[in-house]
Structure formats: C-alpha cells, structure tokens
C-alpha cells in the first residue's frame, strides 16, 4: 500500500545533486535529495528499498541507512487511533502521533 521510507547518506566525489535527484525521483516517490559534491542525503518512499539503496551504493559509500515499513506504521497508527478516540460533549477528540517518517 505505502511501501518503505528509505533514508541514507552517500559520501563520494564529484556527486551531481541534480542528476541524483532526477534518478531517485524516477525510481521512487516523494524524493528529497540534498547535499553537495561529496555528501548527499536521500529521503524517499519506495515499494522496493533495495533499488534505491543499490543506486546509492553505485554512487559511493552508504551511511546512516534507515528503512521504515510505512504499511506497518499505518496499521499501528490506525490501531492507536482506534484505542484513543474519545467522545466528549458530543465532539470527537483524536490523539495524533507523528511517525519517524
């Protein structure tokens, strides 16, 4: 349904941020790519995190890899929501939490 939130950094040399951004946007969704010629941070959503990580590994050394299952996060959010919905004076109040992604 949602796939994975994939975040990592790439260290290398002569990294072209515009080319990297375009490539990551082509293989994933909601891509944010920032950095410079020696260090790039990638944060994106993908159904297969391996494709994005393999692309990054081809650019340089991967660091600070973080992969979160957004389907699991969504399910946990729904369960939390169901348990913490309160009705007070005829008005529903919802407690909301923010996920890591």
C-alpha atoms as a PDB file:
ATOM      1  CA  UNK A   1       0.000   0.000   0.000  1.00  0.00           C
ATOM      2  CA  UNK A   2       2.618   2.570   1.100  1.00  0.00           C
ATOM      3  CA  UNK A   3       5.946   0.775   0.818  1.00  0.00           C
ATOM      4  CA  UNK A   4       9.053   1.870   2.670  1.00  0.00           C
ATOM      5  CA  UNK A   5      10.518   5.148   3.840  1.00  0.00           C
ATOM      6  CA  UNK A   6      14.185   4.999   2.813  1.00  0.00           C
ATOM      7  CA  UNK A   7      16.777   7.426   4.166  1.00  0.00           C
ATOM      8  CA  UNK A   8      20.532   7.350   3.790  1.00  0.00           C
ATOM      9  CA  UNK A   9      23.613   9.402   3.071  1.00  0.00           C
ATOM     10  CA  UNK A  10      26.118   8.856   0.282  1.00  0.00           C
ATOM     11  CA  UNK A  11      29.707  10.013   0.506  1.00  0.00           C
ATOM     12  CA  UNK A  12      31.709  10.170  -2.677  1.00  0.00           C
ATOM     13  CA  UNK A  13      33.402  12.554  -5.029  1.00  0.00           C
ATOM     14  CA  UNK A  14      32.002  14.673  -7.839  1.00  0.00           C
ATOM     15  CA  UNK A  15      28.421  13.777  -6.904  1.00  0.00           C
ATOM     16  CA  UNK A  16      25.972  15.663  -9.134  1.00  0.00           C
ATOM     17  CA  UNK A  17      22.963  16.514  -6.974  1.00  0.00           C
ATOM     18  CA  UNK A  18      20.691  17.308  -9.941  1.00  0.00           C
ATOM     19  CA  UNK A  19      21.380  14.008 -11.707  1.00  0.00           C
ATOM     20  CA  UNK A  20      20.980  12.084  -8.436  1.00  0.00           C
ATOM     21  CA  UNK A  21      17.688  13.843  -7.657  1.00  0.00           C
ATOM     22  CA  UNK A  22      16.333  13.076 -11.133  1.00  0.00           C
ATOM     23  CA  UNK A  23      17.366   9.412 -10.899  1.00  0.00           C
ATOM     24  CA  UNK A  24      15.905   8.934  -7.404  1.00  0.00           C
ATOM     25  CA  UNK A  25      12.637  10.589  -8.449  1.00  0.00           C
ATOM     26  CA  UNK A  26      12.446   8.160 -11.390  1.00  0.00           C
ATOM     27  CA  UNK A  27      12.725   5.050  -9.174  1.00  0.00           C
ATOM     28  CA  UNK A  28      10.757   6.165  -6.108  1.00  0.00           C
ATOM     29  CA  UNK A  29       8.140   8.608  -4.775  1.00  0.00           C
ATOM     30  CA  UNK A  30       8.267  11.744  -2.630  1.00  0.00           C
ATOM     31  CA  UNK A  31      12.017  12.064  -3.061  1.00  0.00           C
ATOM     32  CA  UNK A  32      14.054  14.667  -1.225  1.00  0.00           C
ATOM     33  CA  UNK A  33      17.698  14.837  -2.267  1.00  0.00           C
ATOM     34  CA  UNK A  34      20.050  17.414  -0.755  1.00  0.00           C
ATOM     35  CA  UNK A  35      23.747  17.928  -0.366  1.00  0.00           C
ATOM     36  CA  UNK A  36      26.822  18.698  -2.357  1.00  0.00           C
ATOM     37  CA  UNK A  37      29.556  17.147  -4.454  1.00  0.00           C
ATOM     38  CA  UNK A  38      30.926  14.950  -1.626  1.00  0.00           C
ATOM     39  CA  UNK A  39      27.905  14.231   0.582  1.00  0.00           C
ATOM     40  CA  UNK A  40      24.268  13.650  -0.401  1.00  0.00           C
ATOM     41  CA  UNK A  41      21.265  12.904   1.836  1.00  0.00           C
ATOM     42  CA  UNK A  42      18.411  10.943   0.261  1.00  0.00           C
ATOM     43  CA  UNK A  43      14.939  10.573   1.784  1.00  0.00           C
ATOM     44  CA  UNK A  44      12.336   8.851  -0.365  1.00  0.00           C
ATOM     45  CA  UNK A  45       9.456   6.372  -0.422  1.00  0.00           C
ATOM     46  CA  UNK A  46       9.732   3.166  -2.439  1.00  0.00           C
ATOM     47  CA  UNK A  47       8.000  -0.197  -2.720  1.00  0.00           C
ATOM     48  CA  UNK A  48      11.421  -1.851  -3.050  1.00  0.00           C
ATOM     49  CA  UNK A  49      14.085  -0.149  -0.910  1.00  0.00           C
ATOM     50  CA  UNK A  50      16.767  -2.316  -2.496  1.00  0.00           C
ATOM     51  CA  UNK A  51      16.519  -0.491  -5.810  1.00  0.00           C
ATOM     52  CA  UNK A  52      17.152   2.882  -4.183  1.00  0.00           C
ATOM     53  CA  UNK A  53      19.961   1.538  -1.983  1.00  0.00           C
ATOM     54  CA  UNK A  54      21.632  -0.159  -4.953  1.00  0.00           C
ATOM     55  CA  UNK A  55      21.538   3.092  -6.878  1.00  0.00           C
ATOM     56  CA  UNK A  56      23.081   4.914  -3.912  1.00  0.00           C
ATOM     57  CA  UNK A  57      25.774   2.257  -3.493  1.00  0.00           C
ATOM     58  CA  UNK A  58      26.765   2.834  -7.095  1.00  0.00           C
ATOM     59  CA  UNK A  59      27.429   6.480  -6.278  1.00  0.00           C
ATOM     60  CA  UNK A  60      29.687   5.992  -3.275  1.00  0.00           C
ATOM     61  CA  UNK A  61      29.700   4.801   0.319  1.00  0.00           C
ATOM     62  CA  UNK A  62      26.320   4.473   2.066  1.00  0.00           C
ATOM     63  CA  UNK A  63      25.972   5.705   5.637  1.00  0.00           C
ATOM     64  CA  UNK A  64      23.179   6.197   8.186  1.00  0.00           C
ATOM     65  CA  UNK A  65      20.769   3.847   6.405  1.00  0.00           C
ATOM     66  CA  UNK A  66      17.241   3.912   7.812  1.00  0.00           C
ATOM     67  CA  UNK A  67      14.361   1.920   6.330  1.00  0.00           C
ATOM     68  CA  UNK A  68      10.865   2.064   7.817  1.00  0.00           C
ATOM     69  CA  UNK A  69       7.890  -0.052   6.748  1.00  0.00           C
ATOM     70  CA  UNK A  70       5.168   2.538   6.160  1.00  0.00           C
ATOM     71  CA  UNK A  71       2.445  -0.126   5.858  1.00  0.00           C
ATOM     72  CA  UNK A  72       3.280  -1.267   9.390  1.00  0.00           C
ATOM     73  CA  UNK A  73       3.362   2.351  10.593  1.00  0.00           C
ATOM     74  CA  UNK A  74      -0.056   2.948   9.047  1.00  0.00           C
ATOM     75  CA  UNK A  75      -1.522  -0.150  10.690  1.00  0.00           C
ATOM     76  CA  UNK A  76      -0.077   0.866  14.069  1.00  0.00           C
ATOM     77  CA  UNK A  77      -1.458   4.382  13.588  1.00  0.00           C
ATOM     78  CA  UNK A  78      -4.934   3.005  12.853  1.00  0.00           C
ATOM     79  CA  UNK A  79      -4.794   0.723  15.913  1.00  0.00           C
ATOM     80  CA  UNK A  80      -3.593   3.581  18.116  1.00  0.00           C
ATOM     81  CA  UNK A  81      -6.303   5.837  16.705  1.00  0.00           C
ATOM     82  CA  UNK A  82      -8.998   3.245  17.396  1.00  0.00           C
ATOM     83  CA  UNK A  83      -7.880   2.903  21.012  1.00  0.00           C
ATOM     84  CA  UNK A  84      -7.523   6.613  21.728  1.00  0.00           C
ATOM     85  CA  UNK A  85     -10.587   8.167  20.143  1.00  0.00           C
ATOM     86  CA  UNK A  86     -12.646   9.859  22.827  1.00  0.00           C
ATOM     87  CA  UNK A  87     -16.061  11.456  22.679  1.00  0.00           C
ATOM     88  CA  UNK A  88     -16.539  14.420  24.937  1.00  0.00           C
ATOM     89  CA  UNK A  89     -19.653  16.605  24.868  1.00  0.00           C
ATOM     90  CA  UNK A  90     -20.701  15.072  21.567  1.00  0.00           C
ATOM     91  CA  UNK A  91     -17.442  16.084  19.871  1.00  0.00           C
ATOM     92  CA  UNK A  92     -14.821  13.581  18.888  1.00  0.00           C
ATOM     93  CA  UNK A  93     -11.268  14.285  20.013  1.00  0.00           C
ATOM     94  CA  UNK A  94      -8.456  12.356  18.356  1.00  0.00           C
ATOM     95  CA  UNK A  95      -4.977  11.933  19.733  1.00  0.00           C
ATOM     96  CA  UNK A  96      -2.451  12.004  16.922  1.00  0.00           C
ATOM     97  CA  UNK A  97       1.172  10.883  16.948  1.00  0.00           C
ATOM     98  CA  UNK A  98       3.875  11.559  14.399  1.00  0.00           C
ATOM     99  CA  UNK A  99       5.821   8.702  12.897  1.00  0.00           C
ATOM    100  CA  UNK A 100       9.550   8.770  12.255  1.00  0.00           C
ATOM    101  CA  UNK A 101       8.931   9.240   8.561  1.00  0.00           C
END
